[in-house]
């Protein structure tokens, strides 16, 4: 499986049926007034393990031949992919080792460990999670499960787009555009495949807008100066050839949201939708609220991609004025 087509998403949907949550599409009159559009928010913060990542993880692991499952899996993640892989492995009776940055949120570490995964920490600014994970996989005879650079992962994430398309169709609507929280581009690539008629906008954290710059340049451009961002879930240094190829072929464009803009979106989601959304999961909403995406009179699908946020940080953000 080297490319992604709609049939791959359909196969993934069959694998995860009864395992993943069919998350709702939500809307807000106030958001529609702010944007001049009809905005529908795919609430993947309500997905199993708290993010869309479970979709791709379960699809990837359940597609593995039984003879490959004995050695288990190794993954690298700041938290959401970690939790998705850990839960999928637990459900399928497979051992899992997750390489996580030492500064990963405690909540994500605890929940990954709670689902039975072994955790190996590294320094995200000096260590190579890819090399550490590859070495562990070789040593343990395990299968390496990337967070986005894998066709089965992308196909699994794309089931969120299939669902959203079906939900819109039930209302007699079709998405003109999709605004997608973007780290490595797995979710965006999956949704682009699921919704071939929608223009794709990639919402990234300021300073980590490599996907958008790559689209503009016509070649992969990694993050130039890695730094701190509240959006740990989107703190990816480069998209992959797989996701770049899918997104560039669709003419995707990127926008970036600052920490302040993301926090404003988190407060909006809590106040208006009664949802807990993590910083990275609020990037698409932030992009819409800042007016960076030209969407007036359009039907817009936007992702709320995760809800795994430290309780103390969340309380601080939603109680702040701004």
Protein backbone atom coordinates (compact mmCIF):
# COMPACT_ATOMS: atom_id res chain seq x y z
CA UNK A 1 0.00 0.00 0.00
CA UNK A 2 2.01 2.97 -1.26
CA UNK A 3 -0.67 5.57 -2.07
CA UNK A 4 -4.05 6.61 -0.73
CA UNK A 5 -7.36 6.36 -2.58
CA UNK A 6 -10.93 6.50 -1.36
CA UNK A 7 -11.19 2.70 -1.26
CA UNK A 8 -8.42 2.65 1.35
CA UNK A 9 -10.53 4.93 3.54
CA UNK A 10 -13.54 2.69 3.08
CA UNK A 11 -11.49 -0.33 4.13
CA UNK A 12 -10.26 1.59 7.17
CA UNK A 13 -13.83 2.56 8.06
CA UNK A 14 -14.78 -1.12 8.02
CA UNK A 15 -11.87 -2.02 10.32
CA UNK A 16 -12.61 0.64 12.92
CA UNK A 17 -16.40 0.24 12.83
CA UNK A 18 -17.61 -0.49 16.33
CA UNK A 19 -14.22 0.48 17.76
CA UNK A 20 -13.93 4.22 17.08
CA UNK A 21 -16.57 6.80 18.02
CA UNK A 22 -18.65 8.39 15.27
CA UNK A 23 -18.03 11.93 16.47
CA UNK A 24 -20.61 14.71 16.04
CA UNK A 25 -20.57 17.72 13.75
CA UNK A 26 -21.23 20.81 15.85
CA UNK A 27 -22.03 24.38 14.90
CA UNK A 28 -22.36 27.77 16.52
CA UNK A 29 -24.50 30.71 15.40
CA UNK A 30 -21.88 33.05 16.85
CA UNK A 31 -19.07 31.43 14.86
CA UNK A 32 -21.15 31.66 11.69
CA UNK A 33 -21.71 35.36 12.36
CA UNK A 34 -17.99 35.92 12.98
CA UNK A 35 -16.93 34.19 9.77
CA UNK A 36 -19.86 34.84 7.45
CA UNK A 37 -19.85 31.11 6.69
CA UNK A 38 -21.68 27.94 7.68
CA UNK A 39 -19.09 26.24 9.85
CA UNK A 40 -19.33 22.65 11.01
CA UNK A 41 -16.86 21.45 13.63
CA UNK A 42 -15.84 17.78 13.64
CA UNK A 43 -15.43 17.12 17.37
CA UNK A 44 -12.61 14.58 17.40
CA UNK A 45 -11.83 15.77 20.92
CA UNK A 46 -14.67 13.36 21.79
CA UNK A 47 -12.97 10.44 20.02
CA UNK A 48 -11.70 7.41 21.93
CA UNK A 49 -8.42 8.41 23.71
CA UNK A 50 -9.37 12.06 23.16
CA UNK A 51 -8.17 12.60 19.59
CA UNK A 52 -8.50 11.48 15.98
CA UNK A 53 -5.23 9.54 16.33
CA UNK A 54 -7.04 6.42 17.50
CA UNK A 55 -8.55 6.04 14.04
CA UNK A 56 -5.22 5.68 12.27
CA UNK A 57 -3.62 3.64 15.03
CA UNK A 58 -6.36 1.03 15.14
CA UNK A 59 -6.47 0.81 11.34
CA UNK A 60 -2.71 0.29 11.15
CA UNK A 61 -2.49 -2.30 13.92
CA UNK A 62 -5.60 -4.26 12.95
CA UNK A 63 -4.30 -4.50 9.36
CA UNK A 64 -1.09 -6.21 10.53
CA UNK A 65 -0.83 -9.94 9.74
CA UNK A 66 -1.09 -12.04 12.90
CA UNK A 67 2.49 -13.29 12.53
CA UNK A 68 3.74 -9.68 12.84
CA UNK A 69 1.85 -8.96 16.04
CA UNK A 70 3.93 -11.08 18.41
CA UNK A 71 6.78 -8.56 18.61
CA UNK A 72 4.36 -5.71 19.16
CA UNK A 73 4.74 -2.14 17.97
CA UNK A 74 6.93 0.89 18.56
CA UNK A 75 5.72 4.44 18.02
CA UNK A 76 6.98 7.97 18.67
CA UNK A 77 4.65 10.75 19.75
CA UNK A 78 4.17 13.74 22.04
CA UNK A 79 0.99 12.15 23.29
CA UNK A 80 -2.06 11.73 21.05
CA UNK A 81 -0.58 9.16 18.67
CA UNK A 82 0.98 7.55 21.73
CA UNK A 83 -2.41 7.14 23.35
CA UNK A 84 -4.02 5.94 20.14
CA UNK A 85 -1.37 3.27 19.58
CA UNK A 86 -1.37 2.23 23.23
CA UNK A 87 -5.15 1.78 23.28
CA UNK A 88 -5.25 -0.01 19.93
CA UNK A 89 -2.45 -2.35 21.01
CA UNK A 90 -4.23 -3.08 24.27
CA UNK A 91 -7.48 -3.87 22.44
CA UNK A 92 -5.64 -6.19 20.04
CA UNK A 93 -3.50 -7.86 22.72
CA UNK A 94 -0.17 -6.52 21.46
CA UNK A 95 2.79 -5.06 23.41
CA UNK A 96 3.57 -1.40 22.69
CA UNK A 97 6.60 0.84 23.33
CA UNK A 98 6.19 4.60 22.87
CA UNK A 99 9.04 7.09 22.47
CA UNK A 100 7.84 10.37 24.02
CA UNK A 101 9.51 13.77 24.55
CA UNK A 102 10.55 14.42 28.14
CA UNK A 103 8.36 17.54 28.17
CA UNK A 104 5.20 15.78 27.01
CA UNK A 105 2.14 16.78 29.06
CA UNK A 106 1.78 14.64 32.19
CA UNK A 107 -1.81 13.82 31.29
CA UNK A 108 -0.78 12.28 27.97
CA UNK A 109 2.07 10.33 29.58
CA UNK A 110 -0.17 8.97 32.33
CA UNK A 111 -2.90 7.87 29.94
CA UNK A 112 -0.43 6.24 27.56
CA UNK A 113 1.04 4.29 30.46
CA UNK A 114 -2.43 3.45 31.79
CA UNK A 115 -3.22 1.66 28.53
CA UNK A 116 -0.28 -0.67 29.12
CA UNK A 117 2.42 0.89 26.94
CA UNK A 118 6.06 1.11 27.95
CA UNK A 119 7.41 4.66 27.62
CA UNK A 120 10.93 5.72 26.59
CA UNK A 121 11.66 9.44 26.97
CA UNK A 122 13.92 11.66 24.82
CA UNK A 123 14.81 15.37 24.47
CA UNK A 124 12.81 16.69 21.51
CA UNK A 125 15.30 19.50 20.78
CA UNK A 126 18.43 17.35 20.74
CA UNK A 127 17.39 13.72 20.24
CA UNK A 128 15.99 11.95 17.20
CA UNK A 129 12.77 10.15 18.05
CA UNK A 130 12.83 8.44 14.67
CA UNK A 131 16.26 6.92 15.30
CA UNK A 132 15.42 5.88 18.86
CA UNK A 133 12.18 4.25 17.75
CA UNK A 134 13.83 2.50 14.79
CA UNK A 135 16.53 1.07 17.06
CA UNK A 136 13.93 -0.17 19.55
CA UNK A 137 11.88 -1.78 16.78
CA UNK A 138 14.94 -3.59 15.42
CA UNK A 139 16.09 -4.74 18.85
CA UNK A 140 12.66 -6.01 19.89
CA UNK A 141 11.49 -7.37 16.58
CA UNK A 142 8.58 -4.94 16.66
CA UNK A 143 6.77 -3.05 13.91
CA UNK A 144 7.41 0.69 13.73
CA UNK A 145 4.19 2.71 13.56
CA UNK A 146 4.84 6.33 12.45
CA UNK A 147 2.38 9.02 13.46
CA UNK A 148 1.63 10.21 9.91
CA UNK A 149 4.13 8.82 7.37
CA UNK A 150 2.19 5.63 6.74
CA UNK A 151 -0.62 4.94 4.25
CA UNK A 152 -2.68 2.95 6.78
CA UNK A 153 -2.40 5.76 9.33
CA UNK A 154 -3.50 8.37 6.77
CA UNK A 155 -6.38 6.16 5.62
CA UNK A 156 -7.52 5.71 9.21
CA UNK A 157 -7.42 9.43 9.89
CA UNK A 158 -9.36 10.01 6.70
CA UNK A 159 -12.36 8.17 8.15
CA UNK A 160 -13.07 11.38 10.08
CA UNK A 161 -13.52 13.07 6.70
CA UNK A 162 -15.71 10.26 5.40
CA UNK A 163 -17.97 10.61 8.42
CA UNK A 164 -18.13 14.38 8.12
CA UNK A 165 -19.00 14.10 4.44
CA UNK A 166 -21.80 11.67 5.26
CA UNK A 167 -23.09 13.89 8.06
CA UNK A 168 -23.13 16.94 5.80
CA UNK A 169 -24.82 14.95 3.03
CA UNK A 170 -27.61 13.99 5.45
CA UNK A 171 -28.27 17.74 5.79
CA UNK A 172 -28.18 18.23 2.02
CA UNK A 173 -24.79 19.96 2.21
CA UNK A 174 -21.27 19.51 0.86
CA UNK A 175 -18.09 21.06 2.23
CA UNK A 176 -16.61 23.82 0.08
CA UNK A 177 -13.48 23.79 2.22
CA UNK A 178 -11.91 21.96 5.13
CA UNK A 179 -9.73 23.71 7.72
CA UNK A 180 -7.61 21.05 9.39
CA UNK A 181 -5.25 21.15 12.36
CA UNK A 182 -1.90 20.14 10.89
CA UNK A 183 1.30 18.72 12.36
CA UNK A 184 2.63 16.04 10.03
CA UNK A 185 -0.35 16.25 7.71
CA UNK A 186 -1.88 12.81 8.28
CA UNK A 187 -5.34 14.06 9.19
CA UNK A 188 -5.29 16.72 6.48
CA UNK A 189 -4.21 14.18 3.85
CA UNK A 190 -6.92 11.77 4.92
CA UNK A 191 -9.60 14.44 4.82
CA UNK A 192 -8.33 15.65 1.44
CA UNK A 193 -8.81 12.12 0.13
CA UNK A 194 -12.25 11.80 1.71
CA UNK A 195 -13.51 15.15 0.42
CA UNK A 196 -12.13 15.61 -3.12
CA UNK A 197 -14.32 18.65 -3.76
CA UNK A 198 -13.18 20.66 -0.75
CA UNK A 199 -10.34 23.16 -0.73
CA UNK A 200 -7.90 22.22 2.04
CA UNK A 201 -6.50 24.73 4.53
CA UNK A 202 -3.75 23.62 6.91
CA UNK A 203 -3.86 25.27 10.36
CA UNK A 204 -0.47 25.15 12.09
CA UNK A 205 1.12 26.78 15.14
CA UNK A 206 3.17 29.93 14.55
CA UNK A 207 6.80 28.88 14.17
CA UNK A 208 5.78 25.39 13.05
CA UNK A 209 4.15 26.39 9.76
CA UNK A 210 6.36 24.13 7.67
CA UNK A 211 3.47 22.48 5.85
CA UNK A 212 2.11 25.78 4.62
CA UNK A 213 5.54 26.97 3.57
CA UNK A 214 6.13 23.66 1.82
CA UNK A 215 2.89 24.04 -0.13
CA UNK A 216 3.90 27.54 -1.19
CA UNK A 217 7.44 26.50 -2.17
CA UNK A 218 6.42 23.34 -4.00
CA UNK A 219 8.89 21.29 -1.98
CA UNK A 220 9.25 20.12 1.60
CA UNK A 221 10.54 22.91 3.85
CA UNK A 222 11.17 21.78 7.46
CA UNK A 223 10.77 23.98 10.54
CA UNK A 224 13.67 26.42 10.57
CA UNK A 225 13.98 27.34 14.26
CA UNK A 226 12.20 24.91 16.60
CA UNK A 227 10.98 26.61 19.75
CA UNK A 228 8.22 26.44 22.31
CA UNK A 229 4.54 26.35 21.47
CA UNK A 230 1.43 25.48 23.42
CA UNK A 231 0.42 23.23 20.51
CA UNK A 232 2.51 20.21 21.51
CA UNK A 233 0.34 17.92 19.37
CA UNK A 234 1.37 19.87 16.24
CA UNK A 235 5.05 20.31 17.11
CA UNK A 236 6.27 18.40 14.05
CA UNK A 237 9.49 19.44 12.34
CA UNK A 238 8.52 18.35 8.82
CA UNK A 239 5.71 16.79 6.87
CA UNK A 240 6.54 13.59 4.99
CA UNK A 241 6.84 12.90 1.27
CA UNK A 242 3.58 10.93 1.53
CA UNK A 243 1.54 13.75 3.08
CA UNK A 244 3.28 16.44 1.05
CA UNK A 245 2.42 14.61 -2.16
CA UNK A 246 -1.25 14.25 -1.26
CA UNK A 247 -1.69 17.82 -0.04
CA UNK A 248 0.32 19.56 -2.73
CA UNK A 249 -1.59 17.68 -5.42
CA UNK A 250 -4.77 19.12 -3.92
CA UNK A 251 -3.46 22.68 -3.86
CA UNK A 252 -3.63 22.93 -0.08
CA UNK A 253 -2.64 26.21 1.57
CA UNK A 254 -1.50 26.97 5.10
CA UNK A 255 -2.19 29.49 7.84
CA UNK A 256 -0.57 29.84 11.25
CA UNK A 257 -2.06 30.63 14.66
CA UNK A 258 -0.23 32.14 17.62
CA UNK A 259 -0.53 30.82 21.15
CA UNK A 260 -2.78 33.75 22.05
CA UNK A 261 -5.08 33.01 19.11
CA UNK A 262 -5.22 29.32 20.02
CA UNK A 263 -6.08 30.15 23.63
CA UNK A 264 -8.89 32.41 22.45
CA UNK A 265 -10.25 29.53 20.36
CA UNK A 266 -10.05 27.19 23.36
CA UNK A 267 -12.06 29.67 25.43
CA UNK A 268 -14.61 29.97 22.62
CA UNK A 269 -15.00 26.19 22.36
CA UNK A 270 -15.50 25.91 26.10
CA UNK A 271 -17.92 28.83 26.42
CA UNK A 272 -19.98 28.31 23.26
CA UNK A 273 -19.74 24.54 22.63
CA UNK A 274 -19.06 23.28 26.18
CA UNK A 275 -16.04 21.37 24.89
CA UNK A 276 -12.56 20.81 26.27
CA UNK A 277 -10.14 21.28 23.35
CA UNK A 278 -6.36 21.12 23.66
CA UNK A 279 -4.18 23.86 22.11
CA UNK A 280 -3.21 21.87 19.02
CA UNK A 281 -6.80 20.73 18.60
CA UNK A 282 -7.98 24.35 18.47
CA UNK A 283 -5.66 25.55 15.69
CA UNK A 284 -8.26 25.23 12.91
CA UNK A 285 -10.87 27.08 14.96
CA UNK A 286 -8.29 29.77 15.73
CA UNK A 287 -7.53 30.18 12.02
CA UNK A 288 -11.22 30.73 11.30
CA UNK A 289 -11.71 33.14 14.19
CA UNK A 290 -8.78 35.31 13.10
CA UNK A 291 -10.20 35.65 9.59
CA UNK A 292 -7.13 34.14 7.93
CA UNK A 293 -9.25 31.73 5.91
CA UNK A 294 -11.44 33.41 3.25
CA UNK A 295 -14.67 31.54 3.80
CA UNK A 296 -17.57 33.99 3.51
CA UNK A 297 -20.75 32.33 2.22
CA UNK A 298 -19.02 28.94 2.16
CA UNK A 299 -19.84 25.64 3.87
CA UNK A 300 -16.80 24.92 6.00
CA UNK A 301 -15.67 21.79 7.79
CA UNK A 302 -13.16 22.41 10.58
CA UNK A 303 -11.52 19.94 12.93
CA UNK A 304 -11.36 20.06 16.70
CA UNK A 305 -8.72 17.37 16.61
CA UNK A 306 -7.98 16.67 20.27
CA UNK A 307 -8.96 17.35 23.86
CA UNK A 308 -6.01 16.06 25.87
CA UNK A 309 -4.90 19.10 27.82
CA UNK A 310 -3.42 19.42 31.30
CA UNK A 311 -6.29 20.37 33.67
CA UNK A 312 -4.32 23.15 35.37
CA UNK A 313 -3.28 24.68 32.04
CA UNK A 314 -6.83 24.44 30.72
CA UNK A 315 -8.24 26.12 33.82
CA UNK A 316 -5.67 28.91 33.50
CA UNK A 317 -6.49 29.47 29.82
CA UNK A 318 -10.28 29.43 30.01
CA UNK A 319 -10.37 31.65 33.10
CA UNK A 320 -8.10 34.31 31.56
CA UNK A 321 -9.52 37.44 30.02
CA UNK A 322 -8.92 38.04 26.33
